[in-house]
PDB file of N, CA and C in Angstrom:
ATOM      1  N   MET A   1     -15.610   8.194  -8.288  1.00  0.00           N
ATOM      2  CA  MET A   1     -14.817   9.403  -8.296  1.00  0.00           C
ATOM      3  C   MET A   1     -15.301  10.371  -7.232  1.00  0.00           C
ATOM      4  N   SER A   2     -16.584  10.383  -6.944  1.00  0.00           N
ATOM      5  CA  SER A   2     -17.080  11.294  -5.910  1.00  0.00           C
ATOM      6  C   SER A   2     -16.514  10.943  -4.547  1.00  0.00           C
ATOM      7  N   THR A   3     -16.301   9.662  -4.285  1.00  0.00           N
ATOM      8  CA  THR A   3     -15.713   9.236  -3.009  1.00  0.00           C
ATOM      9  C   THR A   3     -14.269   9.692  -2.909  1.00  0.00           C
ATOM     10  N   LEU A   4     -13.505   9.565  -3.974  1.00  0.00           N
ATOM     11  CA  LEU A   4     -12.086   9.894  -3.952  1.00  0.00           C
ATOM     12  C   LEU A   4     -11.812  11.387  -4.026  1.00  0.00           C
ATOM     13  N   SER A   5     -12.713  12.162  -4.591  1.00  0.00           N
ATOM     14  CA  SER A   5     -12.440  13.578  -4.830  1.00  0.00           C
ATOM     15  C   SER A   5     -12.258  14.374  -3.541  1.00  0.00           C
ATOM     16  N   GLY A   6     -12.854  13.966  -2.445  1.00  0.00           N
ATOM     17  CA  GLY A   6     -12.746  14.710  -1.199  1.00  0.00           C
ATOM     18  C   GLY A   6     -11.599  14.294  -0.305  1.00  0.00           C
ATOM     19  N   LEU A   7     -10.819  13.314  -0.712  1.00  0.00           N
ATOM     20  CA  LEU A   7      -9.739  12.807   0.127  1.00  0.00           C
ATOM     21  C   LEU A   7      -8.455  13.598  -0.078  1.00  0.00           C
ATOM     22  N   ASN A   8      -7.722  13.814   1.015  1.00  0.00           N
ATOM     23  CA  ASN A   8      -6.430  14.500   0.971  1.00  0.00           C
ATOM     24  C   ASN A   8      -5.400  13.633   1.668  1.00  0.00           C
ATOM     25  N   GLY A   9      -4.131  13.970   1.483  1.00  0.00           N
ATOM     26  CA  GLY A   9      -3.059  13.206   2.094  1.00  0.00           C
ATOM     27  C   GLY A   9      -2.799  11.945   1.292  1.00  0.00           C
ATOM     28  N   LEU A  10      -2.231  10.951   1.946  1.00  0.00           N
ATOM     29  CA  LEU A  10      -1.919   9.688   1.286  1.00  0.00           C
ATOM     30  C   LEU A  10      -3.143   8.772   1.310  1.00  0.00           C
ATOM     31  N   VAL A  11      -3.587   8.365   0.140  1.00  0.00           N
ATOM     32  CA  VAL A  11      -4.714   7.447   0.001  1.00  0.00           C
ATOM     33  C   VAL A  11      -4.152   6.134  -0.541  1.00  0.00           C
ATOM     34  N   VAL A  12      -4.308   5.062   0.226  1.00  0.00           N
ATOM     35  CA  VAL A  12      -3.802   3.747  -0.168  1.00  0.00           C
ATOM     36  C   VAL A  12      -4.963   2.917  -0.690  1.00  0.00           C
ATOM     37  N   ILE A  13      -4.806   2.407  -1.903  1.00  0.00           N
ATOM     38  CA  ILE A  13      -5.831   1.570  -2.512  1.00  0.00           C
ATOM     39  C   ILE A  13      -5.191   0.226  -2.836  1.00  0.00           C
ATOM     40  N   ASP A  14      -5.675  -0.820  -2.196  1.00  0.00           N
ATOM     41  CA  ASP A  14      -5.132  -2.169  -2.378  1.00  0.00           C
ATOM     42  C   ASP A  14      -6.030  -2.962  -3.321  1.00  0.00           C
ATOM     43  N   GLU A  15      -5.468  -3.993  -3.904  1.00  0.00           N
ATOM     44  CA  GLU A  15      -6.182  -4.903  -4.809  1.00  0.00           C
ATOM     45  C   GLU A  15      -6.733  -4.178  -6.026  1.00  0.00           C
ATOM     46  N   ILE A  16      -5.938  -3.254  -6.554  1.00  0.00           N
ATOM     47  CA  ILE A  16      -6.394  -2.441  -7.686  1.00  0.00           C
ATOM     48  C   ILE A  16      -6.653  -3.267  -8.946  1.00  0.00           C
ATOM     49  N   GLN A  17      -6.100  -4.470  -9.009  1.00  0.00           N
ATOM     50  CA  GLN A  17      -6.308  -5.306 -10.194  1.00  0.00           C
ATOM     51  C   GLN A  17      -7.790  -5.663 -10.371  1.00  0.00           C
ATOM     52  N   HIS A  18      -8.583  -5.512  -9.317  1.00  0.00           N
ATOM     53  CA  HIS A  18     -10.014  -5.800  -9.414  1.00  0.00           C
ATOM     54  C   HIS A  18     -10.801  -4.639 -10.025  1.00  0.00           C
ATOM     55  N   LEU A  19     -10.152  -3.476 -10.150  1.00  0.00           N
ATOM     56  CA  LEU A  19     -10.785  -2.296 -10.737  1.00  0.00           C
ATOM     57  C   LEU A  19      -9.867  -1.709 -11.803  1.00  0.00           C
ATOM     58  N   PRO A  20      -9.763  -2.349 -12.956  1.00  0.00           N
ATOM     59  CA  PRO A  20      -8.806  -1.896 -13.973  1.00  0.00           C
ATOM     60  C   PRO A  20      -9.086  -0.492 -14.511  1.00  0.00           C
ATOM     61  N   GLU A  21     -10.283   0.027 -14.326  1.00  0.00           N
ATOM     62  CA  GLU A  21     -10.608   1.369 -14.808  1.00  0.00           C
ATOM     63  C   GLU A  21     -10.187   2.460 -13.819  1.00  0.00           C
ATOM     64  N   LEU A  22      -9.802   2.079 -12.605  1.00  0.00           N
ATOM     65  CA  LEU A  22      -9.501   3.063 -11.570  1.00  0.00           C
ATOM     66  C   LEU A  22      -8.308   3.967 -11.891  1.00  0.00           C
ATOM     67  N   PRO A  23      -7.189   3.475 -12.405  1.00  0.00           N
ATOM     68  CA  PRO A  23      -6.075   4.401 -12.703  1.00  0.00           C
ATOM     69  C   PRO A  23      -6.461   5.537 -13.658  1.00  0.00           C
ATOM     70  N   GLU A  24      -7.240   5.240 -14.665  1.00  0.00           N
ATOM     71  CA  GLU A  24      -7.675   6.298 -15.583  1.00  0.00           C
ATOM     72  C   GLU A  24      -8.595   7.286 -14.870  1.00  0.00           C
ATOM     73  N   SER A  25      -9.472   6.803 -14.007  1.00  0.00           N
ATOM     74  CA  SER A  25     -10.347   7.691 -13.236  1.00  0.00           C
ATOM     75  C   SER A  25      -9.528   8.595 -12.330  1.00  0.00           C
ATOM     76  N   LEU A  26      -8.492   8.052 -11.694  1.00  0.00           N
ATOM     77  CA  LEU A  26      -7.632   8.856 -10.836  1.00  0.00           C
ATOM     78  C   LEU A  26      -6.893   9.919 -11.640  1.00  0.00           C
ATOM     79  N   ARG A  27      -6.457   9.573 -12.832  1.00  0.00           N
ATOM     80  CA  ARG A  27      -5.759  10.533 -13.686  1.00  0.00           C
ATOM     81  C   ARG A  27      -6.682  11.707 -14.012  1.00  0.00           C
ATOM     82  N   VAL A  28      -7.910  11.417 -14.375  1.00  0.00           N
ATOM     83  CA  VAL A  28      -8.883  12.471 -14.676  1.00  0.00           C
ATOM     84  C   VAL A  28      -9.131  13.325 -13.433  1.00  0.00           C
ATOM     85  N   LEU A  29      -9.293  12.684 -12.299  1.00  0.00           N
ATOM     86  CA  LEU A  29      -9.545  13.385 -11.046  1.00  0.00           C
ATOM     87  C   LEU A  29      -8.387  14.317 -10.687  1.00  0.00           C
ATOM     88  N   MET A  30      -7.163  13.840 -10.797  1.00  0.00           N
ATOM     89  CA  MET A  30      -6.007  14.630 -10.407  1.00  0.00           C
ATOM     90  C   MET A  30      -5.723  15.766 -11.389  1.00  0.00           C
ATOM     91  N   ASP A  31      -6.179  15.655 -12.623  1.00  0.00           N
ATOM     92  CA  ASP A  31      -5.952  16.699 -13.627  1.00  0.00           C
ATOM     93  C   ASP A  31      -6.997  17.806 -13.587  1.00  0.00           C
ATOM     94  N   ARG A  32      -7.989  17.695 -12.750  1.00  0.00           N
ATOM     95  CA  ARG A  32      -9.028  18.729 -12.671  1.00  0.00           C
ATOM     96  C   ARG A  32      -8.443  20.021 -12.115  1.00  0.00           C
ATOM     97  N   PRO A  33      -8.827  21.149 -12.702  1.00  0.00           N
ATOM     98  CA  PRO A  33      -8.278  22.447 -12.255  1.00  0.00           C
ATOM     99  C   PRO A  33      -8.511  22.732 -10.769  1.00  0.00           C
ATOM    100  N   GLU A  34      -9.627  22.315 -10.228  1.00  0.00           N
ATOM    101  CA  GLU A  34      -9.907  22.601  -8.812  1.00  0.00           C
ATOM    102  C   GLU A  34      -8.993  21.829  -7.859  1.00  0.00           C
ATOM    103  N   ARG A  35      -8.293  20.801  -8.350  1.00  0.00           N
ATOM    104  CA  ARG A  35      -7.353  20.042  -7.518  1.00  0.00           C
ATOM    105  C   ARG A  35      -5.953  20.630  -7.533  1.00  0.00           C
ATOM    106  N   MET A  36      -5.687  21.540  -8.458  1.00  0.00           N
ATOM    107  CA  MET A  36      -4.350  22.112  -8.565  1.00  0.00           C
ATOM    108  C   MET A  36      -3.971  22.815  -7.262  1.00  0.00           C
ATOM    109  N   GLY A  37      -2.788  22.529  -6.778  1.00  0.00           N
ATOM    110  CA  GLY A  37      -2.305  23.132  -5.545  1.00  0.00           C
ATOM    111  C   GLY A  37      -2.690  22.379  -4.291  1.00  0.00           C
ATOM    112  N   GLN A  38      -3.523  21.356  -4.408  1.00  0.00           N
ATOM    113  CA  GLN A  38      -3.896  20.563  -3.241  1.00  0.00           C
ATOM    114  C   GLN A  38      -2.906  19.418  -3.055  1.00  0.00           C
ATOM    115  N   ASN A  39      -2.606  19.146  -1.806  1.00  0.00           N
ATOM    116  CA  ASN A  39      -1.734  18.016  -1.511  1.00  0.00           C
ATOM    117  C   ASN A  39      -2.535  16.732  -1.563  1.00  0.00           C
ATOM    118  N   GLY A  40      -1.924  15.698  -2.058  1.00  0.00           N
ATOM    119  CA  GLY A  40      -2.581  14.402  -2.098  1.00  0.00           C
ATOM    120  C   GLY A  40      -1.771  13.437  -2.932  1.00  0.00           C
ATOM    121  N   GLN A  41      -1.743  12.217  -2.478  1.00  0.00           N
ATOM    122  CA  GLN A  41      -1.035  11.176  -3.193  1.00  0.00           C
ATOM    123  C   GLN A  41      -1.865   9.909  -3.141  1.00  0.00           C
ATOM    124  N   PHE A  42      -1.758   9.117  -4.192  1.00  0.00           N
ATOM    125  CA  PHE A  42      -2.422   7.824  -4.237  1.00  0.00           C
ATOM    126  C   PHE A  42      -1.359   6.745  -4.335  1.00  0.00           C
ATOM    127  N   LEU A  43      -1.432   5.763  -3.466  1.00  0.00           N
ATOM    128  CA  LEU A  43      -0.567   4.604  -3.498  1.00  0.00           C
ATOM    129  C   LEU A  43      -1.426   3.430  -3.924  1.00  0.00           C
ATOM    130  N   LEU A  44      -1.134   2.888  -5.113  1.00  0.00           N
ATOM    131  CA  LEU A  44      -1.926   1.804  -5.677  1.00  0.00           C
ATOM    132  C   LEU A  44      -1.177   0.499  -5.521  1.00  0.00           C
ATOM    133  N   LEU A  45      -1.823  -0.477  -4.896  1.00  0.00           N
ATOM    134  CA  LEU A  45      -1.232  -1.784  -4.657  1.00  0.00           C
ATOM    135  C   LEU A  45      -2.076  -2.851  -5.312  1.00  0.00           C
ATOM    136  N   GLY A  46      -1.419  -3.902  -5.754  1.00  0.00           N
ATOM    137  CA  GLY A  46      -2.157  -4.996  -6.360  1.00  0.00           C
ATOM    138  C   GLY A  46      -1.271  -6.186  -6.567  1.00  0.00           C
ATOM    139  N   SER A  47      -1.840  -7.205  -7.139  1.00  0.00           N
ATOM    140  CA  SER A  47      -1.147  -8.446  -7.380  1.00  0.00           C
ATOM    141  C   SER A  47      -1.238  -8.784  -8.852  1.00  0.00           C
ATOM    142  N   ALA A  48      -0.143  -9.270  -9.408  1.00  0.00           N
ATOM    143  CA  ALA A  48      -0.145  -9.706 -10.797  1.00  0.00           C
ATOM    144  C   ALA A  48      -0.622 -11.151 -10.910  1.00  0.00           C
ATOM    145  N   ALA A  49      -0.653 -11.847  -9.781  1.00  0.00           N
ATOM    146  CA  ALA A  49      -1.059 -13.259  -9.782  1.00  0.00           C
ATOM    147  C   ALA A  49      -2.572 -13.367  -9.910  1.00  0.00           C
ATOM    148  N   GLN A  50      -3.023 -14.268 -10.747  1.00  0.00           N
ATOM    149  CA  GLN A  50      -4.439 -14.541 -10.878  1.00  0.00           C
ATOM    150  C   GLN A  50      -4.764 -15.766 -10.036  1.00  0.00           C
ATOM    151  N   GLY A  51      -5.829 -15.686  -9.277  1.00  0.00           N
ATOM    152  CA  GLY A  51      -6.105 -16.821  -8.422  1.00  0.00           C
ATOM    153  C   GLY A  51      -7.511 -17.212  -8.313  1.00  0.00           C
TER     154      GLY A  51
END
């Protein structure tokens, strides 16, 4: 979360299926009062296929 907290703009995260806890961490990060009013978006990409 410390790595993601300082990022602004569009942040693309690929292969999210390898980090199943990440969406909840992002939700907590984006709901923090100090982030209110800041621009930023997360684009989460992954694969449903197991290989």
